[in-house]
């Protein structure tokens, strides 16, 4: 048997090899991805379609930035009595983690700060 797939709603089909194919980065709306199979007698199966939106995101997020409030006698002495670290540059809906021991252990962050 052979199989074909489409990523544009069935307009164009590509012959599949093995048992998988790779989607490029992007958004695939409902019914955009379609797969069908043809046996050696030429009988073609029903087409199966994706029933929900699929988003392929392979782009790395930007590197977050952290800051703290310097409460020392000089505005740039990096001394503080305020233990809150503020994190900016977080991608919407992304998860983030922080470490306070050089990267040995990480804790899941919430919101945009930790103490």
PDB file of N, CA and C in Angstrom:
ATOM      1  N   UNK A   1       0.846  -1.189   0.000  1.00  0.00           N
ATOM      2  CA  UNK A   1       0.000   0.000   0.000  1.00  0.00           C
ATOM      3  C   UNK A   1       0.883   1.241   0.000  1.00  0.00           C
ATOM      4  N   UNK A   2       0.335   2.305  -0.517  1.00  0.00           N
ATOM      5  CA  UNK A   2       1.010   3.601  -0.493  1.00  0.00           C
ATOM      6  C   UNK A   2       0.123   4.573   0.270  1.00  0.00           C
ATOM      7  N   UNK A   3       0.712   5.664   0.696  1.00  0.00           N
ATOM      8  CA  UNK A   3      -0.076   6.679   1.377  1.00  0.00           C
ATOM      9  C   UNK A   3       0.377   8.058   0.937  1.00  0.00           C
ATOM     10  N   UNK A   4      -0.536   8.994   1.025  1.00  0.00           N
ATOM     11  CA  UNK A   4      -0.263  10.369   0.648  1.00  0.00           C
ATOM     12  C   UNK A   4      -0.780  11.296   1.748  1.00  0.00           C
ATOM     13  N   UNK A   5      -0.170  12.470   1.804  1.00  0.00           N
ATOM     14  CA  UNK A   5      -0.624  13.468   2.770  1.00  0.00           C
ATOM     15  C   UNK A   5      -0.721  14.831   2.095  1.00  0.00           C
ATOM     16  N   UNK A   6      -1.563  15.661   2.661  1.00  0.00           N
ATOM     17  CA  UNK A   6      -1.747  17.031   2.195  1.00  0.00           C
ATOM     18  C   UNK A   6      -1.671  17.951   3.400  1.00  0.00           C
ATOM     19  N   UNK A   7      -1.062  19.107   3.221  1.00  0.00           N
ATOM     20  CA  UNK A   7      -1.026  20.106   4.297  1.00  0.00           C
ATOM     21  C   UNK A   7      -1.791  21.365   3.893  1.00  0.00           C
ATOM     22  N   UNK A   8      -2.487  21.300   2.749  1.00  0.00           N
ATOM     23  CA  UNK A   8      -3.239  22.467   2.290  1.00  0.00           C
ATOM     24  C   UNK A   8      -4.703  22.124   2.004  1.00  0.00           C
ATOM     25  N   UNK A   9      -5.279  21.311   2.859  1.00  0.00           N
ATOM     26  CA  UNK A   9      -6.697  21.013   2.750  1.00  0.00           C
ATOM     27  C   UNK A   9      -7.071  20.088   1.618  1.00  0.00           C
ATOM     28  N   UNK A  10      -6.126  19.322   1.105  1.00  0.00           N
ATOM     29  CA  UNK A  10      -6.417  18.362   0.053  1.00  0.00           C
ATOM     30  C   UNK A  10      -6.206  18.878  -1.352  1.00  0.00           C
ATOM     31  N   UNK A  11      -5.732  20.103  -1.496  1.00  0.00           N
ATOM     32  CA  UNK A  11      -5.460  20.643  -2.832  1.00  0.00           C
ATOM     33  C   UNK A  11      -4.328  19.881  -3.494  1.00  0.00           C
ATOM     34  N   UNK A  12      -3.265  19.634  -2.747  1.00  0.00           N
ATOM     35  CA  UNK A  12      -2.104  18.898  -3.256  1.00  0.00           C
ATOM     36  C   UNK A  12      -1.772  17.775  -2.286  1.00  0.00           C
ATOM     37  N   UNK A  13      -1.469  16.600  -2.816  1.00  0.00           N
ATOM     38  CA  UNK A  13      -1.051  15.465  -1.995  1.00  0.00           C
ATOM     39  C   UNK A  13       0.385  15.095  -2.342  1.00  0.00           C
ATOM     40  N   UNK A  14       1.146  14.695  -1.329  1.00  0.00           N
ATOM     41  CA  UNK A  14       2.538  14.271  -1.468  1.00  0.00           C
ATOM     42  C   UNK A  14       2.627  12.811  -1.057  1.00  0.00           C
ATOM     43  N   UNK A  15       3.396  12.019  -1.804  1.00  0.00           N
ATOM     44  CA  UNK A  15       3.592  10.617  -1.438  1.00  0.00           C
ATOM     45  C   UNK A  15       4.355  10.532  -0.125  1.00  0.00           C
ATOM     46  N   UNK A  16       3.836   9.742   0.791  1.00  0.00           N
ATOM     47  CA  UNK A  16       4.497   9.547   2.069  1.00  0.00           C
ATOM     48  C   UNK A  16       5.501   8.415   2.000  1.00  0.00           C
ATOM     49  N   UNK A  17       6.485   8.473   2.888  1.00  0.00           N
ATOM     50  CA  UNK A  17       7.460   7.390   3.025  1.00  0.00           C
ATOM     51  C   UNK A  17       7.534   7.014   4.496  1.00  0.00           C
ATOM     52  N   UNK A  18       7.821   5.749   4.761  1.00  0.00           N
ATOM     53  CA  UNK A  18       7.858   5.304   6.153  1.00  0.00           C
ATOM     54  C   UNK A  18       6.481   5.425   6.765  1.00  0.00           C
ATOM     55  N   UNK A  19       6.450   5.933   8.002  1.00  0.00           N
ATOM     56  CA  UNK A  19       5.153   6.066   8.667  1.00  0.00           C
ATOM     57  C   UNK A  19       4.948   7.436   9.304  1.00  0.00           C
ATOM     58  N   UNK A  20       5.682   8.455   8.805  1.00  0.00           N
ATOM     59  CA  UNK A  20       5.504   9.792   9.366  1.00  0.00           C
ATOM     60  C   UNK A  20       5.962  10.849   8.364  1.00  0.00           C
ATOM     61  N   UNK A  21       5.613  12.066   8.652  1.00  0.00           N
ATOM     62  CA  UNK A  21       6.107  13.219   7.900  1.00  0.00           C
ATOM     63  C   UNK A  21       6.240  14.375   8.875  1.00  0.00           C
ATOM     64  N   UNK A  22       7.025  15.374   8.494  1.00  0.00           N
ATOM     65  CA  UNK A  22       7.321  16.490   9.381  1.00  0.00           C
ATOM     66  C   UNK A  22       6.608  17.743   8.894  1.00  0.00           C
ATOM     67  N   UNK A  23       5.910  18.389   9.791  1.00  0.00           N
ATOM     68  CA  UNK A  23       5.252  19.649   9.474  1.00  0.00           C
ATOM     69  C   UNK A  23       6.221  20.800   9.677  1.00  0.00           C
ATOM     70  N   UNK A  24       6.195  21.762   8.778  1.00  0.00           N
ATOM     71  CA  UNK A  24       6.985  22.978   8.951  1.00  0.00           C
ATOM     72  C   UNK A  24       6.338  23.850  10.015  1.00  0.00           C
ATOM     73  N   UNK A  25       7.105  24.785  10.539  1.00  0.00           N
ATOM     74  CA  UNK A  25       6.565  25.709  11.521  1.00  0.00           C
ATOM     75  C   UNK A  25       5.387  26.458  10.911  1.00  0.00           C
ATOM     76  N   UNK A  26       4.342  26.613  11.683  1.00  0.00           N
ATOM     77  CA  UNK A  26       3.168  27.340  11.214  1.00  0.00           C
ATOM     78  C   UNK A  26       1.909  26.860  11.893  1.00  0.00           C
ATOM     79  N   UNK A  27       0.787  27.398  11.457  1.00  0.00           N
ATOM     80  CA  UNK A  27      -0.525  27.041  11.985  1.00  0.00           C
ATOM     81  C   UNK A  27      -1.294  26.284  10.920  1.00  0.00           C
ATOM     82  N   UNK A  28      -1.844  25.157  11.300  1.00  0.00           N
ATOM     83  CA  UNK A  28      -2.615  24.309  10.397  1.00  0.00           C
ATOM     84  C   UNK A  28      -4.047  24.253  10.915  1.00  0.00           C
ATOM     85  N   UNK A  29      -4.951  24.894  10.186  1.00  0.00           N
ATOM     86  CA  UNK A  29      -6.351  24.956  10.593  1.00  0.00           C
ATOM     87  C   UNK A  29      -7.019  23.592  10.472  1.00  0.00           C
ATOM     88  N   UNK A  30      -8.197  23.476  11.042  1.00  0.00           N
ATOM     89  CA  UNK A  30      -8.983  22.243  10.961  1.00  0.00           C
ATOM     90  C   UNK A  30      -9.117  21.830   9.496  1.00  0.00           C
ATOM     91  N   UNK A  31      -8.918  20.545   9.210  1.00  0.00           N
ATOM     92  CA  UNK A  31      -9.008  19.928   7.876  1.00  0.00           C
ATOM     93  C   UNK A  31      -7.837  20.258   6.954  1.00  0.00           C
ATOM     94  N   UNK A  32      -6.846  21.017   7.400  1.00  0.00           N
ATOM     95  CA  UNK A  32      -5.708  21.353   6.533  1.00  0.00           C
ATOM     96  C   UNK A  32      -4.835  20.134   6.267  1.00  0.00           C
ATOM     97  N   UNK A  33      -4.652  19.299   7.280  1.00  0.00           N
ATOM     98  CA  UNK A  33      -3.809  18.110   7.139  1.00  0.00           C
ATOM     99  C   UNK A  33      -4.709  16.921   6.823  1.00  0.00           C
ATOM    100  N   UNK A  34      -4.394  16.257   5.731  1.00  0.00           N
ATOM    101  CA  UNK A  34      -5.210  15.129   5.294  1.00  0.00           C
ATOM    102  C   UNK A  34      -4.297  13.976   4.894  1.00  0.00           C
ATOM    103  N   UNK A  35      -4.740  12.761   5.180  1.00  0.00           N
ATOM    104  CA  UNK A  35      -3.962  11.562   4.857  1.00  0.00           C
ATOM    105  C   UNK A  35      -4.902  10.523   4.262  1.00  0.00           C
ATOM    106  N   UNK A  36      -4.411   9.852   3.221  1.00  0.00           N
ATOM    107  CA  UNK A  36      -5.183   8.763   2.615  1.00  0.00           C
ATOM    108  C   UNK A  36      -4.228   7.649   2.213  1.00  0.00           C
ATOM    109  N   UNK A  37      -4.771   6.456   2.034  1.00  0.00           N
ATOM    110  CA  UNK A  37      -3.972   5.274   1.705  1.00  0.00           C
ATOM    111  C   UNK A  37      -4.602   4.562   0.501  1.00  0.00           C
ATOM    112  N   UNK A  38      -3.735   4.012  -0.347  1.00  0.00           N
ATOM    113  CA  UNK A  38      -4.199   3.249  -1.509  1.00  0.00           C
ATOM    114  C   UNK A  38      -3.563   1.869  -1.462  1.00  0.00           C
ATOM    115  N   UNK A  39      -4.391   0.828  -1.572  1.00  0.00           N
ATOM    116  CA  UNK A  39      -3.845  -0.533  -1.525  1.00  0.00           C
ATOM    117  C   UNK A  39      -3.376  -0.965  -2.915  1.00  0.00           C
ATOM    118  N   UNK A  40      -2.792  -2.176  -2.996  1.00  0.00           N
ATOM    119  CA  UNK A  40      -2.210  -2.662  -4.258  1.00  0.00           C
ATOM    120  C   UNK A  40      -3.264  -2.865  -5.340  1.00  0.00           C
ATOM    121  N   UNK A  41      -4.516  -2.996  -4.970  1.00  0.00           N
ATOM    122  CA  UNK A  41      -5.588  -3.157  -5.960  1.00  0.00           C
ATOM    123  C   UNK A  41      -6.109  -1.808  -6.457  1.00  0.00           C
ATOM    124  N   UNK A  42      -5.565  -0.710  -5.911  1.00  0.00           N
ATOM    125  CA  UNK A  42      -5.999   0.620  -6.337  1.00  0.00           C
ATOM    126  C   UNK A  42      -7.155   1.190  -5.551  1.00  0.00           C
ATOM    127  N   UNK A  43      -7.559   0.525  -4.481  1.00  0.00           N
ATOM    128  CA  UNK A  43      -8.642   1.030  -3.633  1.00  0.00           C
ATOM    129  C   UNK A  43      -8.093   2.100  -2.694  1.00  0.00           C
ATOM    130  N   UNK A  44      -8.754   3.236  -2.664  1.00  0.00           N
ATOM    131  CA  UNK A  44      -8.298   4.350  -1.831  1.00  0.00           C
ATOM    132  C   UNK A  44      -9.188   4.477  -0.604  1.00  0.00           C
ATOM    133  N   UNK A  45      -8.555   4.642   0.537  1.00  0.00           N
ATOM    134  CA  UNK A  45      -9.280   4.775   1.804  1.00  0.00           C
ATOM    135  C   UNK A  45      -9.985   6.123   1.884  1.00  0.00           C
ATOM    136  N   UNK A  46     -10.808   6.249   2.891  1.00  0.00           N
ATOM    137  CA  UNK A  46     -11.361   7.562   3.219  1.00  0.00           C
ATOM    138  C   UNK A  46     -10.213   8.452   3.675  1.00  0.00           C
ATOM    139  N   UNK A  47     -10.389   9.734   3.531  1.00  0.00           N
ATOM    140  CA  UNK A  47      -9.374  10.698   3.957  1.00  0.00           C
ATOM    141  C   UNK A  47      -9.584  11.003   5.434  1.00  0.00           C
ATOM    142  N   UNK A  48      -8.506  10.958   6.205  1.00  0.00           N
ATOM    143  CA  UNK A  48      -8.563  11.370   7.604  1.00  0.00           C
ATOM    144  C   UNK A  48      -8.014  12.797   7.671  1.00  0.00           C
ATOM    145  N   UNK A  49      -8.653  13.641   8.500  1.00  0.00           N
ATOM    146  CA  UNK A  49      -8.295  15.059   8.583  1.00  0.00           C
ATOM    147  C   UNK A  49      -8.079  15.450  10.041  1.00  0.00           C
ATOM    148  N   UNK A  50      -7.242  16.461  10.249  1.00  0.00           N
ATOM    149  CA  UNK A  50      -7.076  16.970  11.613  1.00  0.00           C
ATOM    150  C   UNK A  50      -8.365  17.667  12.039  1.00  0.00           C
ATOM    151  N   UNK A  51      -8.777  17.422  13.285  1.00  0.00           N
ATOM    152  CA  UNK A  51     -10.049  17.948  13.779  1.00  0.00           C
ATOM    153  C   UNK A  51      -9.864  19.139  14.725  1.00  0.00           C
ATOM    154  N   UNK A  52      -8.630  19.579  14.901  1.00  0.00           N
ATOM    155  CA  UNK A  52      -8.354  20.760  15.709  1.00  0.00           C
ATOM    156  C   UNK A  52      -7.182  21.498  15.085  1.00  0.00           C
ATOM    157  N   UNK A  53      -7.007  22.750  15.443  1.00  0.00           N
ATOM    158  CA  UNK A  53      -5.904  23.558  14.934  1.00  0.00           C
ATOM    159  C   UNK A  53      -4.598  23.031  15.517  1.00  0.00           C
ATOM    160  N   UNK A  54      -3.594  22.888  14.666  1.00  0.00           N
ATOM    161  CA  UNK A  54      -2.267  22.439  15.093  1.00  0.00           C
ATOM    162  C   UNK A  54      -1.289  23.586  14.870  1.00  0.00           C
ATOM    163  N   UNK A  55      -0.541  23.934  15.911  1.00  0.00           N
ATOM    164  CA  UNK A  55       0.469  24.980  15.808  1.00  0.00           C
ATOM    165  C   UNK A  55       1.828  24.343  16.029  1.00  0.00           C
ATOM    166  N   UNK A  56       2.717  24.490  15.049  1.00  0.00           N
ATOM    167  CA  UNK A  56       4.087  24.004  15.165  1.00  0.00           C
ATOM    168  C   UNK A  56       4.962  25.229  15.419  1.00  0.00           C
ATOM    169  N   UNK A  57       5.575  25.289  16.588  1.00  0.00           N
ATOM    170  CA  UNK A  57       6.401  26.430  16.989  1.00  0.00           C
ATOM    171  C   UNK A  57       7.786  25.915  17.341  1.00  0.00           C
ATOM    172  N   UNK A  58       8.756  26.159  16.468  1.00  0.00           N
ATOM    173  CA  UNK A  58      10.129  25.708  16.703  1.00  0.00           C
ATOM    174  C   UNK A  58      11.076  26.877  16.950  1.00  0.00           C
ATOM    175  N   UNK A  59      10.530  28.084  17.055  1.00  0.00           N
ATOM    176  CA  UNK A  59      11.351  29.273  17.266  1.00  0.00           C
ATOM    177  C   UNK A  59      11.652  29.431  18.751  1.00  0.00           C
ATOM    178  N   UNK A  60      12.917  29.597  19.076  1.00  0.00           N
ATOM    179  CA  UNK A  60      13.298  29.803  20.474  1.00  0.00           C
ATOM    180  C   UNK A  60      12.744  31.132  20.974  1.00  0.00           C
ATOM    181  N   UNK A  61      12.292  31.190  22.209  1.00  0.00           N
ATOM    182  CA  UNK A  61      11.846  32.474  22.757  1.00  0.00           C
ATOM    183  C   UNK A  61      13.054  33.368  23.023  1.00  0.00           C
ATOM    184  N   UNK A  62      12.797  34.665  23.173  1.00  0.00           N
ATOM    185  CA  UNK A  62      13.882  35.575  23.520  1.00  0.00           C
ATOM    186  C   UNK A  62      14.380  35.240  24.923  1.00  0.00           C
ATOM    187  N   UNK A  63      15.594  35.606  25.205  1.00  0.00           N
ATOM    188  CA  UNK A  63      16.168  35.363  26.528  1.00  0.00           C
ATOM    189  C   UNK A  63      15.558  36.350  27.517  1.00  0.00           C
ATOM    190  N   UNK A  64      14.973  35.863  28.609  1.00  0.00           N
ATOM    191  CA  UNK A  64      14.386  36.783  29.585  1.00  0.00           C
ATOM    192  C   UNK A  64      15.474  37.590  30.296  1.00  0.00           C
ATOM    193  N   UNK A  65      15.051  38.689  30.871  1.00  0.00           N
ATOM    194  CA  UNK A  65      15.957  39.584  31.601  1.00  0.00           C
ATOM    195  C   UNK A  65      15.450  39.669  33.035  1.00  0.00           C
ATOM    196  N   UNK A  66      16.364  39.663  33.995  1.00  0.00           N
ATOM    197  CA  UNK A  66      15.928  39.829  35.378  1.00  0.00           C
ATOM    198  C   UNK A  66      16.571  41.071  35.966  1.00  0.00           C
ATOM    199  N   UNK A  67      15.886  41.655  36.930  1.00  0.00           N
ATOM    200  CA  UNK A  67      16.394  42.857  37.585  1.00  0.00           C
ATOM    201  C   UNK A  67      15.921  42.865  39.036  1.00  0.00           C
ATOM    202  N   UNK A  68      16.551  43.723  39.822  1.00  0.00           N
ATOM    203  CA  UNK A  68      16.173  43.875  41.220  1.00  0.00           C
ATOM    204  C   UNK A  68      16.282  45.349  41.578  1.00  0.00           C
ATOM    205  N   UNK A  69      15.703  45.724  42.705  1.00  0.00           N
ATOM    206  CA  UNK A  69      15.764  47.100  43.179  1.00  0.00           C
ATOM    207  C   UNK A  69      16.988  47.257  44.066  1.00  0.00           C
ATOM    208  N   UNK A  70      17.894  48.132  43.651  1.00  0.00           N
ATOM    209  CA  UNK A  70      19.115  48.405  44.417  1.00  0.00           C
ATOM    210  C   UNK A  70      18.756  49.370  45.543  1.00  0.00           C
ATOM    211  N   UNK A  71      18.817  48.894  46.795  1.00  0.00           N
ATOM    212  CA  UNK A  71      18.473  49.736  47.946  1.00  0.00           C
ATOM    213  C   UNK A  71      19.705  50.158  48.739  1.00  0.00           C
ATOM    214  N   UNK A  72      20.887  49.845  48.215  1.00  0.00           N
ATOM    215  CA  UNK A  72      22.121  50.198  48.913  1.00  0.00           C
ATOM    216  C   UNK A  72      22.354  51.698  48.930  1.00  0.00           C
ATOM    217  N   UNK A  73      23.425  52.127  49.603  1.00  0.00           N
ATOM    218  CA  UNK A  73      23.706  53.556  49.733  1.00  0.00           C
ATOM    219  C   UNK A  73      24.040  54.199  48.390  1.00  0.00           C
ATOM    220  N   UNK A  74      24.515  53.412  47.436  1.00  0.00           N
ATOM    221  CA  UNK A  74      24.760  53.901  46.079  1.00  0.00           C
ATOM    222  C   UNK A  74      23.762  53.231  45.140  1.00  0.00           C
ATOM    223  N   UNK A  75      23.362  53.937  44.107  1.00  0.00           N
ATOM    224  CA  UNK A  75      22.346  53.392  43.203  1.00  0.00           C
ATOM    225  C   UNK A  75      22.876  52.273  42.317  1.00  0.00           C
ATOM    226  N   UNK A  76      24.184  52.048  42.339  1.00  0.00           N
ATOM    227  CA  UNK A  76      24.764  51.002  41.490  1.00  0.00           C
ATOM    228  C   UNK A  76      25.698  50.069  42.259  1.00  0.00           C
ATOM    229  N   UNK A  77      25.503  49.940  43.564  1.00  0.00           N
ATOM    230  CA  UNK A  77      26.389  49.069  44.347  1.00  0.00           C
ATOM    231  C   UNK A  77      25.894  47.624  44.412  1.00  0.00           C
ATOM    232  N   UNK A  78      24.746  47.346  43.780  1.00  0.00           N
ATOM    233  CA  UNK A  78      24.177  45.992  43.726  1.00  0.00           C
ATOM    234  C   UNK A  78      23.912  45.404  45.109  1.00  0.00           C
ATOM    235  N   UNK A  79      23.572  46.264  46.046  1.00  0.00           N
ATOM    236  CA  UNK A  79      23.192  45.835  47.392  1.00  0.00           C
ATOM    237  C   UNK A  79      21.711  46.137  47.565  1.00  0.00           C
ATOM    238  N   UNK A  80      20.986  45.171  48.125  1.00  0.00           N
ATOM    239  CA  UNK A  80      19.549  45.370  48.290  1.00  0.00           C
ATOM    240  C   UNK A  80      19.050  44.673  49.550  1.00  0.00           C
ATOM    241  N   UNK A  81      17.993  45.215  50.112  1.00  0.00           N
ATOM    242  CA  UNK A  81      17.280  44.524  51.188  1.00  0.00           C
ATOM    243  C   UNK A  81      15.904  44.077  50.690  1.00  0.00           C
ATOM    244  N   UNK A  82      15.689  44.197  49.385  1.00  0.00           N
ATOM    245  CA  UNK A  82      14.447  43.769  48.740  1.00  0.00           C
ATOM    246  C   UNK A  82      14.772  42.521  47.927  1.00  0.00           C
ATOM    247  N   UNK A  83      14.294  41.369  48.370  1.00  0.00           N
ATOM    248  CA  UNK A  83      14.657  40.105  47.733  1.00  0.00           C
ATOM    249  C   UNK A  83      13.857  39.742  46.493  1.00  0.00           C
ATOM    250  N   UNK A  84      13.056  40.656  45.986  1.00  0.00           N
ATOM    251  CA  UNK A  84      12.238  40.354  44.809  1.00  0.00           C
ATOM    252  C   UNK A  84      13.040  40.551  43.529  1.00  0.00           C
ATOM    253  N   UNK A  85      13.064  39.526  42.697  1.00  0.00           N
ATOM    254  CA  UNK A  85      13.679  39.584  41.372  1.00  0.00           C
ATOM    255  C   UNK A  85      12.538  39.684  40.363  1.00  0.00           C
ATOM    256  N   UNK A  86      12.592  40.693  39.506  1.00  0.00           N
ATOM    257  CA  UNK A  86      11.575  40.882  38.472  1.00  0.00           C
ATOM    258  C   UNK A  86      12.101  40.333  37.155  1.00  0.00           C
ATOM    259  N   UNK A  87      11.262  39.568  36.457  1.00  0.00           N
ATOM    260  CA  UNK A  87      11.643  38.943  35.189  1.00  0.00           C
ATOM    261  C   UNK A  87      10.830  39.596  34.074  1.00  0.00           C
ATOM    262  N   UNK A  88      11.512  40.072  33.030  1.00  0.00           N
ATOM    263  CA  UNK A  88      10.838  40.678  31.880  1.00  0.00           C
ATOM    264  C   UNK A  88      11.252  39.946  30.612  1.00  0.00           C
ATOM    265  N   UNK A  89      10.535  40.219  29.533  1.00  0.00           N
ATOM    266  CA  UNK A  89      10.840  39.580  28.254  1.00  0.00           C
ATOM    267  C   UNK A  89      10.274  38.181  28.142  1.00  0.00           C
ATOM    268  N   UNK A  90       9.265  37.865  28.957  1.00  0.00           N
ATOM    269  CA  UNK A  90       8.658  36.535  28.915  1.00  0.00           C
ATOM    270  C   UNK A  90       7.664  36.455  27.758  1.00  0.00           C
ATOM    271  N   UNK A  91       7.723  35.373  27.007  1.00  0.00           N
ATOM    272  CA  UNK A  91       6.789  35.149  25.907  1.00  0.00           C
ATOM    273  C   UNK A  91       5.413  34.830  26.478  1.00  0.00           C
ATOM    274  N   UNK A  92       4.373  35.358  25.855  1.00  0.00           N
ATOM    275  CA  UNK A  92       3.009  35.106  26.316  1.00  0.00           C
ATOM    276  C   UNK A  92       2.720  33.606  26.332  1.00  0.00           C
ATOM    277  N   UNK A  93       2.141  33.143  27.405  1.00  0.00           N
ATOM    278  CA  UNK A  93       1.750  31.741  27.606  1.00  0.00           C
ATOM    279  C   UNK A  93       2.934  30.785  27.749  1.00  0.00           C
ATOM    280  N   UNK A  94       4.138  31.292  27.834  1.00  0.00           N
ATOM    281  CA  UNK A  94       5.306  30.423  28.012  1.00  0.00           C
ATOM    282  C   UNK A  94       5.491  30.106  29.492  1.00  0.00           C
ATOM    283  N   UNK A  95       6.159  29.016  29.770  1.00  0.00           N
ATOM    284  CA  UNK A  95       6.545  28.700  31.140  1.00  0.00           C
ATOM    285  C   UNK A  95       7.986  29.150  31.336  1.00  0.00           C
ATOM    286  N   UNK A  96       8.373  29.386  32.571  1.00  0.00           N
ATOM    287  CA  UNK A  96       9.752  29.777  32.849  1.00  0.00           C
ATOM    288  C   UNK A  96      10.188  29.212  34.187  1.00  0.00           C
ATOM    289  N   UNK A  97      11.492  29.090  34.338  1.00  0.00           N
ATOM    290  CA  UNK A  97      12.086  28.549  35.556  1.00  0.00           C
ATOM    291  C   UNK A  97      13.255  29.424  35.975  1.00  0.00           C
ATOM    292  N   UNK A  98      13.591  29.354  37.251  1.00  0.00           N
ATOM    293  CA  UNK A  98      14.748  30.081  37.754  1.00  0.00           C
ATOM    294  C   UNK A  98      15.561  29.179  38.675  1.00  0.00           C
ATOM    295  N   UNK A  99      16.833  29.540  38.812  1.00  0.00           N
ATOM    296  CA  UNK A  99      17.741  28.810  39.689  1.00  0.00           C
ATOM    297  C   UNK A  99      18.450  29.811  40.583  1.00  0.00           C
ATOM    298  N   UNK A 100      18.631  29.455  41.837  1.00  0.00           N
ATOM    299  CA  UNK A 100      19.386  30.306  42.759  1.00  0.00           C
ATOM    300  C   UNK A 100      20.650  29.600  43.244  1.00  0.00           C
ATOM    301  N   UNK A 101      21.022  28.503  42.548  1.00  0.00           N
ATOM    302  CA  UNK A 101      22.236  27.780  42.935  1.00  0.00           C
ATOM    303  C   UNK A 101      23.097  27.434  41.719  1.00  0.00           C
ATOM    304  N   UNK A 102      23.195  28.379  40.797  1.00  0.00           N
ATOM    305  CA  UNK A 102      24.093  28.185  39.659  1.00  0.00           C
ATOM    306  C   UNK A 102      23.592  27.217  38.607  1.00  0.00           C
ATOM    307  N   UNK A 103      22.321  26.936  38.589  1.00  0.00           N
ATOM    308  CA  UNK A 103      21.761  26.058  37.566  1.00  0.00           C
ATOM    309  C   UNK A 103      21.683  24.596  37.955  1.00  0.00           C
ATOM    310  N   UNK A 104      22.009  24.263  39.202  1.00  0.00           N
ATOM    311  CA  UNK A 104      21.901  22.873  39.650  1.00  0.00           C
ATOM    312  C   UNK A 104      20.444  22.450  39.773  1.00  0.00           C
ATOM    313  N   UNK A 105      19.630  23.303  40.357  1.00  0.00           N
ATOM    314  CA  UNK A 105      18.205  23.027  40.535  1.00  0.00           C
ATOM    315  C   UNK A 105      17.398  24.197  39.981  1.00  0.00           C
ATOM    316  N   UNK A 106      16.249  23.897  39.398  1.00  0.00           N
ATOM    317  CA  UNK A 106      15.371  24.930  38.857  1.00  0.00           C
ATOM    318  C   UNK A 106      13.994  24.826  39.493  1.00  0.00           C
ATOM    319  N   UNK A 107      13.362  25.979  39.677  1.00  0.00           N
ATOM    320  CA  UNK A 107      12.019  26.084  40.232  1.00  0.00           C
ATOM    321  C   UNK A 107      11.123  26.727  39.184  1.00  0.00           C
ATOM    322  N   UNK A 108       9.906  26.223  39.034  1.00  0.00           N
ATOM    323  CA  UNK A 108       8.964  26.831  38.095  1.00  0.00           C
ATOM    324  C   UNK A 108       8.586  28.219  38.576  1.00  0.00           C
ATOM    325  N   UNK A 109       8.661  29.191  37.683  1.00  0.00           N
ATOM    326  CA  UNK A 109       8.272  30.552  38.005  1.00  0.00           C
ATOM    327  C   UNK A 109       6.801  30.779  37.728  1.00  0.00           C
ATOM    328  N   UNK A 110       6.219  31.757  38.425  1.00  0.00           N
ATOM    329  CA  UNK A 110       4.842  32.171  38.170  1.00  0.00           C
ATOM    330  C   UNK A 110       4.820  33.687  38.099  1.00  0.00           C
ATOM    331  N   UNK A 111       3.881  34.217  37.330  1.00  0.00           N
ATOM    332  CA  UNK A 111       3.826  35.668  37.185  1.00  0.00           C
ATOM    333  C   UNK A 111       5.090  36.174  36.523  1.00  0.00           C
ATOM    334  N   UNK A 112       5.646  37.275  37.079  1.00  0.00           N
ATOM    335  CA  UNK A 112       6.876  37.816  36.499  1.00  0.00           C
ATOM    336  C   UNK A 112       7.917  38.178  37.557  1.00  0.00           C
ATOM    337  N   UNK A 113       7.857  37.477  38.711  1.00  0.00           N
ATOM    338  CA  UNK A 113       8.867  37.748  39.736  1.00  0.00           C
ATOM    339  C   UNK A 113       8.984  36.561  40.687  1.00  0.00           C
ATOM    340  N   UNK A 114      10.064  36.579  41.470  1.00  0.00           N
ATOM    341  CA  UNK A 114      10.250  35.587  42.532  1.00  0.00           C
ATOM    342  C   UNK A 114      11.085  36.217  43.626  1.00  0.00           C
ATOM    343  N   UNK A 115      11.044  35.624  44.827  1.00  0.00           N
ATOM    344  CA  UNK A 115      11.831  36.151  45.945  1.00  0.00           C
ATOM    345  C   UNK A 115      12.713  35.063  46.512  1.00  0.00           C
TER     346      UNK A 115
END
